Amino acid sequence: MQDLNVEKEDNEIKEPKLTIWGVIIAPGFSTVLVAFYSKFIVNSISNIKVSGTVSTTFISLILLLIVRNAAKYIIAVIVACKDKINLVINVIIGFSIQIALLVLPFVVILGWIIG
């Protein structure tokens, strides 16, 4: 009898915790942060290009992809610390599929175009 009550409690619809203002403000704040972050990255790339130590191609194809996906890496580590291995595997497999199906073919086609 108690098992049936537990199942009924799990199926209840939960109310959202964010208000309408939270839903409007959070993406706006994130957009502003991304804009400043992008400006910082572009200025950094210009400074590295002037110094001539690293090629622009390496920066644009390798480093920016790693920086862009840094949040996924951090999330995977945090979730792994909480012993949710299924979610970690989903994040890792999703990232690997993204690289295998989108980035690598793009780089190969770009290499053919450049020669």
N, C-alpha and C. Protein backbone atom coordinates (compact mmCIF):
# COMPACT_ATOMS: atom_id res chain seq x y z
N MET A 1 0.80 -1.20 0.00
CA MET A 1 0.00 0.00 0.00
C MET A 1 0.85 1.27 0.00
N GLN A 2 1.92 1.27 0.77
CA GLN A 2 2.75 2.46 0.85
C GLN A 2 3.46 2.74 -0.47
N ASP A 3 3.81 1.70 -1.23
CA ASP A 3 4.47 1.90 -2.51
C ASP A 3 3.59 2.66 -3.49
N LEU A 4 2.29 2.39 -3.46
CA LEU A 4 1.39 3.10 -4.36
C LEU A 4 1.32 4.58 -4.01
N ASN A 5 1.35 4.92 -2.74
CA ASN A 5 1.31 6.32 -2.33
C ASN A 5 2.57 7.06 -2.76
N VAL A 6 3.72 6.40 -2.69
CA VAL A 6 4.97 7.02 -3.11
C VAL A 6 4.94 7.33 -4.60
N GLU A 7 4.41 6.40 -5.40
CA GLU A 7 4.33 6.62 -6.84
C GLU A 7 3.40 7.78 -7.18
N LYS A 8 2.30 7.91 -6.46
CA LYS A 8 1.37 9.01 -6.72
C LYS A 8 2.02 10.35 -6.40
N GLU A 9 2.82 10.42 -5.34
CA GLU A 9 3.47 11.67 -4.98
C GLU A 9 4.51 12.08 -6.01
N ASP A 10 5.19 11.12 -6.65
CA ASP A 10 6.22 11.43 -7.63
C ASP A 10 5.64 11.99 -8.92
N ASN A 11 4.37 11.67 -9.22
CA ASN A 11 3.76 12.10 -10.47
C ASN A 11 3.11 13.48 -10.38
N GLU A 12 3.16 14.13 -9.21
CA GLU A 12 2.55 15.43 -9.07
C GLU A 12 3.30 16.48 -9.90
N ILE A 13 2.57 17.44 -10.44
CA ILE A 13 3.15 18.51 -11.24
C ILE A 13 3.75 19.54 -10.29
N LYS A 14 5.00 19.90 -10.54
CA LYS A 14 5.67 20.86 -9.69
C LYS A 14 5.53 22.25 -10.29
N GLU A 15 5.34 23.23 -9.43
CA GLU A 15 5.23 24.62 -9.86
C GLU A 15 6.61 25.17 -10.20
N PRO A 16 6.72 26.02 -11.22
CA PRO A 16 8.02 26.63 -11.53
C PRO A 16 8.47 27.55 -10.40
N LYS A 17 9.78 27.61 -10.21
CA LYS A 17 10.33 28.41 -9.13
C LYS A 17 10.67 29.84 -9.57
N LEU A 18 10.81 30.08 -10.86
CA LEU A 18 11.14 31.42 -11.35
C LEU A 18 9.87 32.22 -11.62
N THR A 19 9.95 33.49 -11.37
CA THR A 19 8.84 34.37 -11.73
C THR A 19 9.03 34.83 -13.17
N ILE A 20 8.06 35.55 -13.68
CA ILE A 20 8.16 36.05 -15.05
C ILE A 20 9.32 37.03 -15.19
N TRP A 21 9.58 37.82 -14.14
CA TRP A 21 10.70 38.76 -14.19
C TRP A 21 12.03 38.02 -14.17
N GLY A 22 12.09 36.94 -13.44
CA GLY A 22 13.32 36.14 -13.44
C GLY A 22 13.60 35.55 -14.81
N VAL A 23 12.54 35.13 -15.48
CA VAL A 23 12.69 34.55 -16.82
C VAL A 23 13.12 35.61 -17.83
N ILE A 24 12.70 36.84 -17.64
CA ILE A 24 13.07 37.92 -18.56
C ILE A 24 14.47 38.44 -18.26
N ILE A 25 14.80 38.61 -16.99
CA ILE A 25 16.07 39.22 -16.60
C ILE A 25 17.25 38.27 -16.80
N ALA A 26 17.10 36.99 -16.50
CA ALA A 26 18.22 36.04 -16.59
C ALA A 26 18.81 35.95 -18.00
N PRO A 27 18.01 35.76 -19.06
CA PRO A 27 18.61 35.74 -20.40
C PRO A 27 19.20 37.09 -20.81
N GLY A 28 18.56 38.18 -20.39
CA GLY A 28 19.11 39.50 -20.71
C GLY A 28 20.47 39.72 -20.07
N PHE A 29 20.60 39.35 -18.81
CA PHE A 29 21.86 39.47 -18.10
C PHE A 29 22.92 38.57 -18.73
N SER A 30 22.52 37.36 -19.10
CA SER A 30 23.45 36.43 -19.75
C SER A 30 23.92 36.97 -21.09
N THR A 31 23.04 37.60 -21.84
CA THR A 31 23.40 38.17 -23.14
C THR A 31 24.42 39.28 -22.98
N VAL A 32 24.23 40.14 -21.98
CA VAL A 32 25.18 41.22 -21.73
C VAL A 32 26.55 40.65 -21.34
N LEU A 33 26.56 39.63 -20.48
CA LEU A 33 27.82 39.00 -20.10
C LEU A 33 28.53 38.38 -21.30
N VAL A 34 27.78 37.71 -22.17
CA VAL A 34 28.38 37.10 -23.35
C VAL A 34 28.94 38.17 -24.28
N ALA A 35 28.27 39.31 -24.40
CA ALA A 35 28.76 40.39 -25.25
C ALA A 35 30.10 40.92 -24.74
N PHE A 36 30.21 41.15 -23.43
CA PHE A 36 31.48 41.62 -22.87
C PHE A 36 32.56 40.55 -23.00
N TYR A 37 32.19 39.32 -22.77
CA TYR A 37 33.13 38.21 -22.88
C TYR A 37 33.65 38.10 -24.32
N SER A 38 32.76 38.22 -25.28
CA SER A 38 33.15 38.14 -26.69
C SER A 38 34.09 39.27 -27.07
N LYS A 39 33.80 40.48 -26.57
CA LYS A 39 34.67 41.61 -26.87
C LYS A 39 36.06 41.37 -26.29
N PHE A 40 36.13 40.84 -25.10
CA PHE A 40 37.40 40.53 -24.46
C PHE A 40 38.18 39.49 -25.27
N ILE A 41 37.48 38.45 -25.74
CA ILE A 41 38.13 37.39 -26.54
C ILE A 41 38.67 37.97 -27.85
N VAL A 42 37.89 38.79 -28.53
CA VAL A 42 38.32 39.36 -29.80
C VAL A 42 39.54 40.26 -29.60
N ASN A 43 39.53 41.06 -28.55
CA ASN A 43 40.69 41.92 -28.28
C ASN A 43 41.92 41.08 -27.94
N SER A 44 41.73 39.99 -27.23
CA SER A 44 42.86 39.11 -26.89
C SER A 44 43.43 38.46 -28.14
N ILE A 45 42.55 38.05 -29.06
CA ILE A 45 43.02 37.43 -30.31
C ILE A 45 43.81 38.45 -31.12
N SER A 46 43.36 39.69 -31.15
CA SER A 46 44.10 40.73 -31.88
C SER A 46 45.49 40.93 -31.30
N ASN A 47 45.59 40.93 -29.97
CA ASN A 47 46.90 41.10 -29.34
C ASN A 47 47.83 39.92 -29.62
N ILE A 48 47.30 38.72 -29.61
CA ILE A 48 48.12 37.54 -29.91
C ILE A 48 48.56 37.56 -31.37
N LYS A 49 47.66 37.99 -32.25
CA LYS A 49 47.99 38.05 -33.68
C LYS A 49 49.11 39.05 -33.93
N VAL A 50 49.09 40.17 -33.23
CA VAL A 50 50.13 41.19 -33.41
C VAL A 50 51.48 40.66 -32.94
N SER A 51 51.50 39.91 -31.84
CA SER A 51 52.76 39.38 -31.34
C SER A 51 53.31 38.29 -32.25
N GLY A 52 52.45 37.60 -33.00
CA GLY A 52 52.90 36.63 -33.99
C GLY A 52 53.35 35.29 -33.43
N THR A 53 53.04 35.01 -32.16
CA THR A 53 53.49 33.75 -31.57
C THR A 53 52.59 32.58 -31.95
N VAL A 54 51.30 32.83 -32.12
CA VAL A 54 50.35 31.76 -32.44
C VAL A 54 49.58 32.17 -33.69
N SER A 55 49.34 31.23 -34.58
CA SER A 55 48.62 31.57 -35.81
C SER A 55 47.13 31.79 -35.53
N THR A 56 46.54 32.64 -36.34
CA THR A 56 45.12 32.94 -36.20
C THR A 56 44.27 31.71 -36.46
N THR A 57 44.69 30.86 -37.38
CA THR A 57 43.95 29.64 -37.68
C THR A 57 43.88 28.73 -36.46
N PHE A 58 44.99 28.57 -35.76
CA PHE A 58 45.00 27.74 -34.56
C PHE A 58 44.07 28.31 -33.51
N ILE A 59 44.10 29.60 -33.34
CA ILE A 59 43.25 30.24 -32.33
C ILE A 59 41.78 30.04 -32.68
N SER A 60 41.42 30.28 -33.93
CA SER A 60 40.01 30.22 -34.30
C SER A 60 39.46 28.81 -34.35
N LEU A 61 40.27 27.83 -34.74
CA LEU A 61 39.75 26.47 -34.88
C LEU A 61 39.92 25.60 -33.64
N ILE A 62 40.89 25.88 -32.81
CA ILE A 62 41.16 25.03 -31.66
C ILE A 62 40.81 25.73 -30.35
N LEU A 63 41.44 26.84 -30.08
CA LEU A 63 41.28 27.48 -28.77
C LEU A 63 39.86 27.98 -28.52
N LEU A 64 39.24 28.61 -29.52
CA LEU A 64 37.89 29.12 -29.31
C LEU A 64 36.89 28.00 -29.08
N LEU A 65 37.09 26.85 -29.71
CA LEU A 65 36.19 25.71 -29.46
C LEU A 65 36.34 25.20 -28.04
N ILE A 66 37.56 25.16 -27.55
CA ILE A 66 37.79 24.70 -26.18
C ILE A 66 37.18 25.68 -25.19
N VAL A 67 37.38 26.97 -25.40
CA VAL A 67 36.83 27.98 -24.50
C VAL A 67 35.31 27.95 -24.55
N ARG A 68 34.74 27.81 -25.73
CA ARG A 68 33.29 27.80 -25.87
C ARG A 68 32.66 26.64 -25.12
N ASN A 69 33.33 25.51 -25.09
CA ASN A 69 32.77 24.32 -24.44
C ASN A 69 33.27 24.13 -23.02
N ALA A 70 33.92 25.13 -22.46
CA ALA A 70 34.43 25.01 -21.10
C ALA A 70 33.30 24.80 -20.10
N ALA A 71 32.16 25.42 -20.34
CA ALA A 71 31.02 25.23 -19.44
C ALA A 71 30.57 23.78 -19.42
N LYS A 72 30.60 23.11 -20.56
CA LYS A 72 30.22 21.69 -20.60
C LYS A 72 31.20 20.85 -19.79
N TYR A 73 32.47 21.18 -19.88
CA TYR A 73 33.46 20.43 -19.10
C TYR A 73 33.23 20.62 -17.61
N ILE A 74 32.97 21.85 -17.20
CA ILE A 74 32.75 22.14 -15.79
C ILE A 74 31.50 21.44 -15.29
N ILE A 75 30.44 21.48 -16.08
CA ILE A 75 29.20 20.79 -15.69
C ILE A 75 29.43 19.30 -15.55
N ALA A 76 30.18 18.71 -16.47
CA ALA A 76 30.46 17.28 -16.39
C ALA A 76 31.21 16.93 -15.11
N VAL A 77 32.16 17.76 -14.71
CA VAL A 77 32.91 17.50 -13.48
C VAL A 77 32.02 17.65 -12.26
N ILE A 78 31.19 18.70 -12.23
CA ILE A 78 30.30 18.91 -11.08
C ILE A 78 29.30 17.76 -10.94
N VAL A 79 28.72 17.34 -12.07
CA VAL A 79 27.75 16.25 -12.03
C VAL A 79 28.43 14.94 -11.65
N ALA A 80 29.65 14.74 -12.08
CA ALA A 80 30.39 13.54 -11.71
C ALA A 80 30.64 13.50 -10.21
N CYS A 81 30.89 14.66 -9.61
CA CYS A 81 31.09 14.72 -8.16
C CYS A 81 29.81 14.38 -7.40
N LYS A 82 28.65 14.56 -8.04
CA LYS A 82 27.37 14.24 -7.41
C LYS A 82 26.93 12.81 -7.72
N ASP A 83 27.82 12.00 -8.32
CA ASP A 83 27.56 10.59 -8.64
C ASP A 83 26.38 10.38 -9.59
N LYS A 84 26.24 11.25 -10.58
CA LYS A 84 25.21 11.08 -11.60
C LYS A 84 25.91 10.75 -12.91
N ILE A 85 26.40 9.53 -12.98
CA ILE A 85 27.23 9.10 -14.10
C ILE A 85 26.46 9.10 -15.42
N ASN A 86 25.17 8.77 -15.39
CA ASN A 86 24.39 8.76 -16.63
C ASN A 86 24.38 10.13 -17.29
N LEU A 87 24.24 11.18 -16.50
CA LEU A 87 24.23 12.53 -17.05
C LEU A 87 25.61 12.91 -17.59
N VAL A 88 26.66 12.49 -16.90
CA VAL A 88 28.02 12.76 -17.38
C VAL A 88 28.25 12.09 -18.73
N ILE A 89 27.83 10.84 -18.84
CA ILE A 89 28.00 10.11 -20.10
C ILE A 89 27.21 10.79 -21.21
N ASN A 90 26.00 11.26 -20.91
CA ASN A 90 25.21 11.96 -21.93
C ASN A 90 25.89 13.24 -22.39
N VAL A 91 26.48 13.99 -21.47
CA VAL A 91 27.19 15.22 -21.84
C VAL A 91 28.39 14.90 -22.72
N ILE A 92 29.16 13.90 -22.32
CA ILE A 92 30.37 13.54 -23.06
C ILE A 92 30.03 13.00 -24.44
N ILE A 93 29.05 12.13 -24.53
CA ILE A 93 28.66 11.56 -25.82
C ILE A 93 28.09 12.65 -26.73
N GLY A 94 27.27 13.55 -26.17
CA GLY A 94 26.72 14.64 -26.97
C GLY A 94 27.81 15.54 -27.53
N PHE A 95 28.80 15.85 -26.71
CA PHE A 95 29.91 16.68 -27.19
C PHE A 95 30.72 15.95 -28.26
N SER A 96 30.97 14.66 -28.05
CA SER A 96 31.73 13.88 -29.04
C SER A 96 30.99 13.80 -30.37
N ILE A 97 29.68 13.62 -30.32
CA ILE A 97 28.88 13.57 -31.55
C ILE A 97 28.92 14.92 -32.25
N GLN A 98 28.84 16.00 -31.48
CA GLN A 98 28.90 17.33 -32.07
C GLN A 98 30.22 17.54 -32.80
N ILE A 99 31.32 17.16 -32.19
CA ILE A 99 32.62 17.31 -32.82
C ILE A 99 32.73 16.42 -34.06
N ALA A 100 32.30 15.16 -33.93
CA ALA A 100 32.44 14.21 -35.03
C ALA A 100 31.57 14.56 -36.24
N LEU A 101 30.37 15.07 -36.00
CA LEU A 101 29.44 15.31 -37.11
C LEU A 101 29.46 16.74 -37.64
N LEU A 102 29.92 17.69 -36.85
CA LEU A 102 29.87 19.08 -37.30
C LEU A 102 31.24 19.70 -37.50
N VAL A 103 32.09 19.63 -36.50
CA VAL A 103 33.35 20.37 -36.54
C VAL A 103 34.36 19.72 -37.49
N LEU A 104 34.57 18.44 -37.35
CA LEU A 104 35.58 17.78 -38.21
C LEU A 104 35.24 17.86 -39.69
N PRO A 105 34.00 17.58 -40.13
CA PRO A 105 33.71 17.76 -41.56
C PRO A 105 33.89 19.20 -42.02
N PHE A 106 33.53 20.16 -41.17
CA PHE A 106 33.72 21.57 -41.53
C PHE A 106 35.20 21.88 -41.72
N VAL A 107 36.04 21.39 -40.84
CA VAL A 107 37.48 21.65 -40.95
C VAL A 107 38.05 20.99 -42.21
N VAL A 108 37.59 19.79 -42.53
CA VAL A 108 38.07 19.11 -43.74
C VAL A 108 37.65 19.88 -44.99
N ILE A 109 36.41 20.30 -45.06
CA ILE A 109 35.93 21.07 -46.21
C ILE A 109 36.66 22.40 -46.30
N LEU A 110 36.88 23.04 -45.17
CA LEU A 110 37.64 24.29 -45.16
C LEU A 110 39.07 24.07 -45.64
N GLY A 111 39.67 22.95 -45.27
CA GLY A 111 41.01 22.61 -45.75
C GLY A 111 41.04 22.41 -47.25
N TRP A 112 40.01 21.78 -47.81
CA TRP A 112 39.94 21.60 -49.25
C TRP A 112 39.80 22.93 -49.95
N ILE A 113 38.99 23.83 -49.40
CA ILE A 113 38.79 25.14 -50.01
C ILE A 113 40.07 25.96 -49.98
N ILE A 114 40.76 25.93 -48.84
CA ILE A 114 42.01 26.70 -48.71
C ILE A 114 43.11 26.09 -49.56
N GLY A 115 43.12 24.77 -49.65
CA GLY A 115 44.12 24.10 -50.47
C GLY A 115 45.24 23.61 -49.61
